[in-house]
Amino acid sequence: MAETLRDRAALEFALTLRRRWADTLYPRLRAEYDAAAASAPLHRPEDVATRVHALPSYGGFAWLERGAQKMLWRAVMNALSPAGEARRPAGDPPDVVAGPATLELDPELRLPEWYTAWDIHVQPGGVWSSRLAARVYEVGAKLVMLGDNDDYKFHRLFVETAIPRREYRRIVDLGCGFGKSTWPLKKAHPQAEVIGIDLAAPCLELAASRASAQGLAIRFRQADAASTGLETGSADLVTSTMLIHELPLDALAATLREAARVCAPGAALRILDFQSTGDPVRDLAMREHGARNNEPFMPPMMAADTARLAEAAGFRNARWTAFDERSVGRLPDLAWPARSEWHFPWAVLEAQRDR
């Protein structure tokens, strides 16, 4: 992707900053907190926050999280722009998708204000704004995971370890973006009709193009996850990855109700996202990550009882289990392995539709 030495150097610099933030600054911050807590342990989140904010490493830790993210997007945009990436706005006629994937765009769809009001992930303009933005997001989605997701391993592990092994007629992937979560579903279940739903037309165009290049007959549809337009009781599996922490709580509840509506009796719900760990420092860092990464709905989602919301929507046996993105995938309960470096507390919300 990076055609010049300058582009490659800028990308590597931003990635190195992110690595040192995760494997050096966070452990140092944690060690400072543990030393202070040894003689005076704290329990209330607000007291933990006050102490963490006073630690010597906190200022650099907080600044670098957002600063390195901004540097990364700038480096990706600079690397892609000279390569002739289209800057046409969303709403232009879509590129022809040659291959088995299909694309259904809705020119009348109005994007929700909560979706367009933020540059989510600090990506300038948001993923919905242009074809260049979708391409930048595609590249950035690999880089922000520090090389651990170059082949979309997270999504493959999710499909391999968290999805019940059975036959499916229709699978619906909510918030599919440029398709990285949808392709593994079709590869694992080639006999199923697989539908990817997203608000962003440029991402869906890219998703359909990439799926066709892989020979994957996936149906990509522009719609709100809370109002898919799909038939009631038509899906045997509804999934999402990294979606619900980007939804306001009312939209999250509506999305769960819509998932229940399109699910057939006995269908499965599987959502890969984040949960609180019970570790006061890590949980504080996750709450503040929402502000530093322009994801304002993450803290309310993590504080909410999303399993109860799923039950209220019409699912049963809703519960969260931990997820280790390195190699294991889904874990049997909500307990993560001990790790010193910063990492996201991945978890899977699993439930079934009432019969």
Protein backbone atom coordinates (compact mmCIF):
# COMPACT_ATOMS: atom_id res chain seq x y z
CA MET A 1 0.00 0.00 0.00
CA ALA A 2 2.66 2.52 1.00
CA GLU A 3 4.42 3.35 -2.24
CA THR A 4 7.13 5.66 -0.92
CA LEU A 5 9.73 5.39 1.79
CA ARG A 6 8.18 8.42 3.47
CA ASP A 7 4.76 6.69 3.61
CA ARG A 8 6.23 3.46 4.97
CA ALA A 9 8.24 5.36 7.59
CA ALA A 10 5.18 7.33 8.73
CA LEU A 11 3.10 4.16 9.08
CA GLU A 12 5.82 2.32 10.97
CA PHE A 13 6.38 5.27 13.28
CA ALA A 14 2.68 5.46 14.17
CA LEU A 15 2.48 1.69 14.69
CA THR A 16 5.60 1.68 16.87
CA LEU A 17 4.11 4.40 19.06
CA ARG A 18 0.96 2.31 19.48
CA ARG A 19 2.99 -0.79 20.37
CA ARG A 20 4.99 1.06 23.01
CA TRP A 21 1.79 2.57 24.37
CA ALA A 22 0.36 -0.94 24.77
CA ASP A 23 3.38 -2.96 25.93
CA THR A 24 5.40 -0.33 27.83
CA LEU A 25 3.30 2.64 28.98
CA TYR A 26 0.29 0.64 30.14
CA PRO A 27 2.32 -1.84 32.24
CA ARG A 28 4.20 1.11 33.77
CA LEU A 29 0.93 2.86 34.61
CA ARG A 30 -0.41 -0.34 36.11
CA ALA A 31 2.73 -0.87 38.20
CA GLU A 32 2.46 2.67 39.56
CA TYR A 33 -1.15 2.08 40.53
CA ASP A 34 -0.42 -1.29 42.16
CA ALA A 35 2.37 0.27 44.23
CA ALA A 36 0.03 2.99 45.47
CA ALA A 37 -2.84 0.56 46.08
CA ALA A 38 -0.70 -1.84 48.12
CA SER A 39 -0.96 0.38 51.18
CA ALA A 40 -4.33 1.99 50.44
CA PRO A 41 -6.62 -0.09 48.22
CA LEU A 42 -9.55 1.66 46.56
CA HIS A 43 -12.91 0.31 45.49
CA ARG A 44 -15.10 3.11 44.14
CA PRO A 45 -14.51 3.80 40.40
CA GLU A 46 -14.30 7.56 41.01
CA ASP A 47 -11.57 7.05 43.61
CA VAL A 48 -9.65 4.76 41.27
CA ALA A 49 -9.90 7.40 38.53
CA THR A 50 -8.61 10.15 40.83
CA ARG A 51 -5.59 8.06 41.80
CA VAL A 52 -4.81 6.94 38.23
CA HIS A 53 -5.03 10.51 36.94
CA ALA A 54 -2.39 11.55 39.48
CA LEU A 55 0.13 8.87 38.48
CA PRO A 56 3.36 10.02 36.75
CA SER A 57 2.74 7.99 33.57
CA TYR A 58 -0.91 8.89 33.11
CA GLY A 59 -0.45 12.07 31.08
CA GLY A 60 1.74 10.37 28.50
CA PHE A 61 -0.50 7.32 28.40
CA ALA A 62 -3.66 9.35 27.79
CA TRP A 63 -2.09 11.68 25.23
CA LEU A 64 -0.39 8.94 23.25
CA GLU A 65 -3.53 6.84 22.89
CA ARG A 66 -5.29 9.58 20.95
CA GLY A 67 -2.18 11.10 19.39
CA ALA A 68 -0.93 7.84 17.91
CA GLN A 69 -4.40 7.07 16.55
CA LYS A 70 -4.53 10.42 14.76
CA MET A 71 -1.03 9.89 13.39
CA LEU A 72 -2.04 6.47 12.08
CA TRP A 73 -5.05 7.76 10.16
CA ARG A 74 -3.03 10.60 8.71
CA ALA A 75 -0.33 8.19 7.56
CA VAL A 76 -2.88 5.85 5.96
CA MET A 77 -4.65 8.70 4.19
CA ASN A 78 -1.38 10.10 2.86
CA ALA A 79 -0.34 6.66 1.64
CA LEU A 80 -3.63 5.99 -0.13
CA SER A 81 -4.41 9.36 -1.66
CA PRO A 82 -1.58 9.38 -4.26
CA ALA A 83 -2.63 5.89 -5.35
CA GLY A 84 -5.68 7.31 -7.12
CA GLU A 85 -8.28 6.27 -4.55
CA ALA A 86 -11.66 7.77 -5.47
CA ARG A 87 -12.71 10.82 -3.49
CA ARG A 88 -16.28 10.82 -4.80
CA PRO A 89 -18.82 11.39 -2.04
CA ALA A 90 -21.25 8.75 -0.87
CA GLY A 91 -24.37 8.88 -3.03
CA ASP A 92 -22.56 8.85 -6.38
CA PRO A 93 -23.47 5.91 -8.63
CA PRO A 94 -21.71 2.84 -7.23
CA ASP A 95 -18.92 1.08 -9.00
CA VAL A 96 -20.01 -2.03 -10.88
CA VAL A 97 -19.46 -5.09 -8.73
CA ALA A 98 -18.28 -7.90 -10.98
CA GLY A 99 -18.85 -11.28 -9.39
CA PRO A 100 -21.25 -13.27 -7.27
CA ALA A 101 -21.76 -10.70 -4.48
CA THR A 102 -24.78 -8.41 -4.75
CA LEU A 103 -25.20 -4.83 -3.53
CA GLU A 104 -28.44 -3.15 -2.45
CA LEU A 105 -28.06 0.57 -1.75
CA ASP A 106 -30.86 2.79 -0.48
CA PRO A 107 -30.54 6.34 -1.86
CA GLU A 108 -33.42 7.46 0.38
CA LEU A 109 -31.80 6.26 3.61
CA ARG A 110 -31.08 9.07 6.05
CA LEU A 111 -28.12 8.34 8.29
CA PRO A 112 -28.87 8.83 12.01
CA GLU A 113 -27.43 11.97 13.58
CA TRP A 114 -25.69 9.94 16.30
CA TYR A 115 -23.84 8.13 13.49
CA THR A 116 -22.70 11.19 11.54
CA ALA A 117 -22.01 13.54 14.47
CA TRP A 118 -18.75 11.83 15.44
CA ASP A 119 -15.55 10.95 13.59
CA ILE A 120 -15.68 7.45 15.08
CA HIS A 121 -12.22 6.05 15.88
CA VAL A 122 -10.92 9.59 15.22
CA GLN A 123 -11.01 8.78 11.50
CA PRO A 124 -11.47 12.13 9.72
CA GLY A 125 -14.86 12.35 8.03
CA GLY A 126 -16.12 9.00 9.26
CA VAL A 127 -16.28 5.74 7.33
CA TRP A 128 -19.52 6.73 5.60
CA SER A 129 -18.29 9.93 3.95
CA SER A 130 -16.48 8.75 0.79
CA ARG A 131 -14.94 5.81 -1.02
CA LEU A 132 -11.52 6.96 0.15
CA ALA A 133 -12.78 6.90 3.74
CA ALA A 134 -13.95 3.30 3.32
CA ARG A 135 -10.57 2.28 1.93
CA VAL A 136 -8.76 4.11 4.73
CA TYR A 137 -10.93 2.26 7.25
CA GLU A 138 -10.14 -1.06 5.58
CA VAL A 139 -6.40 -0.52 5.92
CA GLY A 140 -6.66 1.05 9.36
CA ALA A 141 -8.71 -1.87 10.70
CA LYS A 142 -5.67 -4.07 10.20
CA LEU A 143 -3.08 -1.62 11.47
CA VAL A 144 -4.82 -0.63 14.71
CA MET A 145 -4.60 -4.24 15.88
CA LEU A 146 -0.80 -3.99 15.72
CA GLY A 147 -0.36 -6.72 13.13
CA ASP A 148 -2.48 -9.31 14.95
CA ASN A 149 -5.42 -9.05 12.56
CA ASP A 150 -3.75 -8.76 9.16
CA ASP A 151 -5.69 -11.78 7.86
CA TYR A 152 -8.79 -10.96 9.94
CA LYS A 153 -7.91 -13.65 12.45
CA PHE A 154 -10.28 -12.18 15.05
CA HIS A 155 -13.24 -12.74 12.79
CA ARG A 156 -12.19 -16.22 11.78
CA LEU A 157 -11.74 -17.17 15.45
CA PHE A 158 -15.18 -15.77 16.18
CA VAL A 159 -16.76 -17.92 13.47
CA GLU A 160 -14.71 -21.01 14.36
CA THR A 161 -15.17 -20.90 18.14
CA ALA A 162 -18.29 -18.87 18.96
CA ILE A 163 -20.78 -19.83 16.24
CA PRO A 164 -22.79 -23.03 16.87
CA ARG A 165 -21.88 -25.74 14.38
CA ARG A 166 -25.09 -26.48 12.57
CA GLU A 167 -26.74 -25.93 9.20
CA TYR A 168 -28.03 -22.43 8.50
CA ARG A 169 -30.42 -21.27 5.81
CA ARG A 170 -29.86 -17.52 6.33
CA ILE A 171 -27.19 -15.67 8.32
CA VAL A 172 -27.48 -11.92 8.95
CA ASP A 173 -24.35 -9.93 9.90
CA LEU A 174 -25.24 -6.55 11.40
CA GLY A 175 -22.81 -3.66 11.02
CA CYS A 176 -20.70 -5.57 8.51
CA GLY A 177 -18.62 -2.55 7.40
CA PHE A 178 -16.36 -3.45 4.49
CA GLY A 179 -17.14 -7.15 4.95
CA LYS A 180 -14.35 -8.45 7.17
CA SER A 181 -16.86 -10.04 9.55
CA THR A 182 -19.12 -11.37 6.79
CA TRP A 183 -16.63 -13.19 4.56
CA PRO A 184 -15.67 -15.82 7.19
CA LEU A 185 -19.36 -16.60 7.76
CA LYS A 186 -19.88 -17.39 4.08
CA LYS A 187 -16.67 -19.40 3.87
CA ALA A 188 -17.66 -21.49 6.89
CA HIS A 189 -21.27 -21.91 5.74
CA PRO A 190 -21.24 -21.82 1.92
CA GLN A 191 -24.72 -23.34 1.68
CA ALA A 192 -26.30 -20.47 3.66
CA GLU A 193 -27.61 -17.20 2.32
CA VAL A 194 -25.39 -14.62 4.03
CA ILE A 195 -26.52 -10.99 4.27
CA GLY A 196 -24.33 -8.12 5.45
CA ILE A 197 -26.13 -5.02 6.77
CA ASP A 198 -24.52 -1.60 7.21
CA LEU A 199 -25.34 2.10 7.08
CA ALA A 200 -22.27 3.16 5.10
CA ALA A 201 -22.70 2.90 1.33
CA PRO A 202 -18.96 3.25 0.56
CA CYS A 203 -18.13 0.41 2.95
CA LEU A 204 -20.79 -1.82 1.38
CA GLU A 205 -19.45 -1.11 -2.10
CA LEU A 206 -16.00 -2.14 -0.94
CA ALA A 207 -17.42 -5.19 0.86
CA ALA A 208 -19.21 -6.40 -2.26
CA SER A 209 -16.14 -5.84 -4.42
CA ARG A 210 -13.86 -7.72 -2.02
CA ALA A 211 -16.38 -10.57 -1.64
CA SER A 212 -16.74 -10.94 -5.40
CA ALA A 213 -12.96 -11.08 -5.75
CA GLN A 214 -13.04 -14.06 -3.37
CA GLY A 215 -15.91 -15.73 -5.22
CA LEU A 216 -18.30 -15.25 -2.29
CA ALA A 217 -21.99 -14.88 -3.09
CA ILE A 218 -22.92 -12.54 -0.25
CA ARG A 219 -25.84 -10.11 -0.30
CA PHE A 220 -24.83 -6.68 1.02
CA ARG A 221 -27.70 -4.39 1.98
CA GLN A 222 -27.69 -0.75 3.11
CA ALA A 223 -29.97 -0.43 6.11
CA ASP A 224 -30.05 0.45 9.78
CA ALA A 225 -29.34 -2.57 11.99
CA ALA A 226 -32.47 -1.57 13.93
CA SER A 227 -34.59 -1.68 10.76
CA THR A 228 -33.16 -4.17 8.28
CA GLY A 229 -36.23 -4.62 6.09
CA LEU A 230 -35.72 -8.39 6.16
CA GLU A 231 -38.57 -10.83 6.58
CA THR A 232 -39.75 -11.74 10.07
CA GLY A 233 -38.46 -15.11 11.26
CA SER A 234 -36.20 -15.55 8.23
CA ALA A 235 -32.74 -15.89 9.86
CA ASP A 236 -31.20 -18.86 11.65
CA LEU A 237 -28.23 -16.83 12.92
CA VAL A 238 -27.72 -13.11 13.60
CA THR A 239 -24.22 -11.83 14.32
CA SER A 240 -22.35 -8.61 14.84
CA THR A 241 -18.74 -7.80 15.61
CA MET A 242 -17.56 -4.52 17.15
CA LEU A 243 -20.94 -2.89 16.56
CA ILE A 244 -22.94 -2.49 19.75
CA HIS A 245 -20.36 -0.36 21.58
CA GLU A 246 -20.89 2.22 18.84
CA LEU A 247 -24.67 2.44 19.38
CA PRO A 248 -26.58 4.67 21.81
CA LEU A 249 -28.46 2.53 24.31
CA ASP A 250 -31.85 3.17 22.70
CA ALA A 251 -30.47 2.17 19.29
CA LEU A 252 -28.80 -0.87 20.87
CA ALA A 253 -32.10 -2.00 22.39
CA ALA A 254 -33.86 -1.42 19.07
CA THR A 255 -31.18 -3.42 17.25
CA LEU A 256 -31.65 -6.36 19.62
CA ARG A 257 -35.42 -6.21 19.06
CA GLU A 258 -34.87 -6.19 15.31
CA ALA A 259 -32.49 -9.16 15.61
CA ALA A 260 -35.16 -11.04 17.56
CA ARG A 261 -37.77 -10.15 14.95
CA VAL A 262 -35.80 -11.52 12.00
CA CYS A 263 -34.72 -14.64 13.92
CA ALA A 264 -36.62 -17.86 13.35
CA PRO A 265 -37.62 -19.87 16.45
CA GLY A 266 -34.49 -21.44 17.93
CA ALA A 267 -32.14 -19.16 15.97
CA ALA A 268 -28.85 -18.07 17.52
CA LEU A 269 -27.55 -14.61 18.38
CA ARG A 270 -23.79 -14.08 18.62
CA ILE A 271 -22.22 -10.65 19.24
CA LEU A 272 -18.47 -10.02 19.56
CA ASP A 273 -17.76 -6.85 21.51
CA PHE A 274 -16.35 -5.67 24.86
CA GLN A 275 -17.19 -6.19 28.53
CA SER A 276 -15.85 -4.93 31.84
CA THR A 277 -13.23 -7.18 33.44
CA GLY A 278 -13.44 -6.24 37.13
CA ASP A 279 -9.86 -4.93 37.00
CA PRO A 280 -10.24 -1.29 38.12
CA VAL A 281 -7.37 0.12 36.05
CA ARG A 282 -8.18 -1.74 32.85
CA ASP A 283 -11.88 -0.92 33.16
CA LEU A 284 -11.06 2.76 33.72
CA ALA A 285 -8.82 2.73 30.64
CA MET A 286 -11.67 1.24 28.60
CA ARG A 287 -14.13 3.87 29.79
CA GLU A 288 -11.71 6.63 28.91
CA HIS A 289 -10.88 4.98 25.60
CA GLY A 290 -14.41 5.89 24.56
CA ALA A 291 -13.59 9.59 24.91
CA ARG A 292 -10.07 9.40 23.50
CA ASN A 293 -11.15 7.36 20.47
CA ASN A 294 -14.39 9.26 19.75
CA GLU A 295 -16.60 6.36 20.79
CA PRO A 296 -19.01 8.08 23.20
CA PHE A 297 -21.44 5.18 23.44
CA MET A 298 -18.86 2.63 24.61
CA PRO A 299 -18.94 3.48 28.36
CA PRO A 300 -22.77 3.37 28.59
CA MET A 301 -22.84 0.07 26.70
CA MET A 302 -20.26 -1.51 29.00
CA ALA A 303 -22.16 -0.29 32.06
CA ALA A 304 -25.49 -1.59 30.77
CA ASP A 305 -26.90 -5.06 31.34
CA THR A 306 -26.89 -6.02 27.69
CA ALA A 307 -27.75 -9.65 28.44
CA ARG A 308 -30.93 -8.42 30.13
CA LEU A 309 -31.66 -6.20 27.11
CA ALA A 310 -31.31 -9.25 24.87
CA GLU A 311 -33.72 -11.21 27.07
CA ALA A 312 -36.18 -8.31 27.00
CA ALA A 313 -35.96 -8.29 23.19
CA GLY A 314 -37.10 -11.90 23.03
CA PHE A 315 -33.94 -13.97 23.38
CA ARG A 316 -33.29 -16.54 26.11
CA ASN A 317 -30.20 -17.85 27.89
CA ALA A 318 -28.37 -14.59 27.15
CA ARG A 319 -24.89 -14.41 28.66
CA TRP A 320 -21.40 -13.07 28.02
CA THR A 321 -18.30 -15.24 27.68
CA ALA A 322 -14.71 -14.01 27.37
CA PHE A 323 -12.83 -14.10 24.06
CA ASP A 324 -9.04 -14.36 23.63
CA GLU A 325 -8.21 -12.86 20.25
CA ARG A 326 -4.66 -14.27 20.12
CA SER A 327 -5.46 -17.90 19.28
CA VAL A 328 -8.10 -19.46 21.53
CA GLY A 329 -11.18 -17.44 20.66
CA ARG A 330 -14.26 -18.03 22.82
CA LEU A 331 -13.56 -18.98 26.43
CA PRO A 332 -16.02 -20.97 28.56
CA ASP A 333 -16.86 -18.17 30.99
CA LEU A 334 -16.33 -14.46 31.59
CA ALA A 335 -12.70 -14.72 32.73
CA TRP A 336 -9.73 -13.48 30.71
CA PRO A 337 -6.15 -14.82 30.89
CA ALA A 338 -3.69 -12.64 32.82
CA ARG A 339 -1.84 -10.29 30.46
CA SER A 340 0.44 -7.40 31.30
CA GLU A 341 0.06 -5.44 28.05
CA TRP A 342 -2.93 -3.35 27.09
CA HIS A 343 -5.58 -5.30 25.19
CA PHE A 344 -9.29 -4.97 24.59
CA PRO A 345 -11.54 -7.13 26.80
CA TRP A 346 -13.19 -9.00 23.95
CA ALA A 347 -16.30 -10.96 24.84
CA VAL A 348 -19.16 -12.79 23.13
CA LEU A 349 -22.82 -12.22 23.92
CA GLU A 350 -24.64 -15.44 23.09
CA ALA A 351 -28.37 -16.11 23.19
CA GLN A 352 -31.14 -18.03 21.46
CA ARG A 353 -34.47 -16.91 20.09
CA ASP A 354 -37.48 -18.11 22.04
CA ARG A 355 -39.22 -21.03 20.38
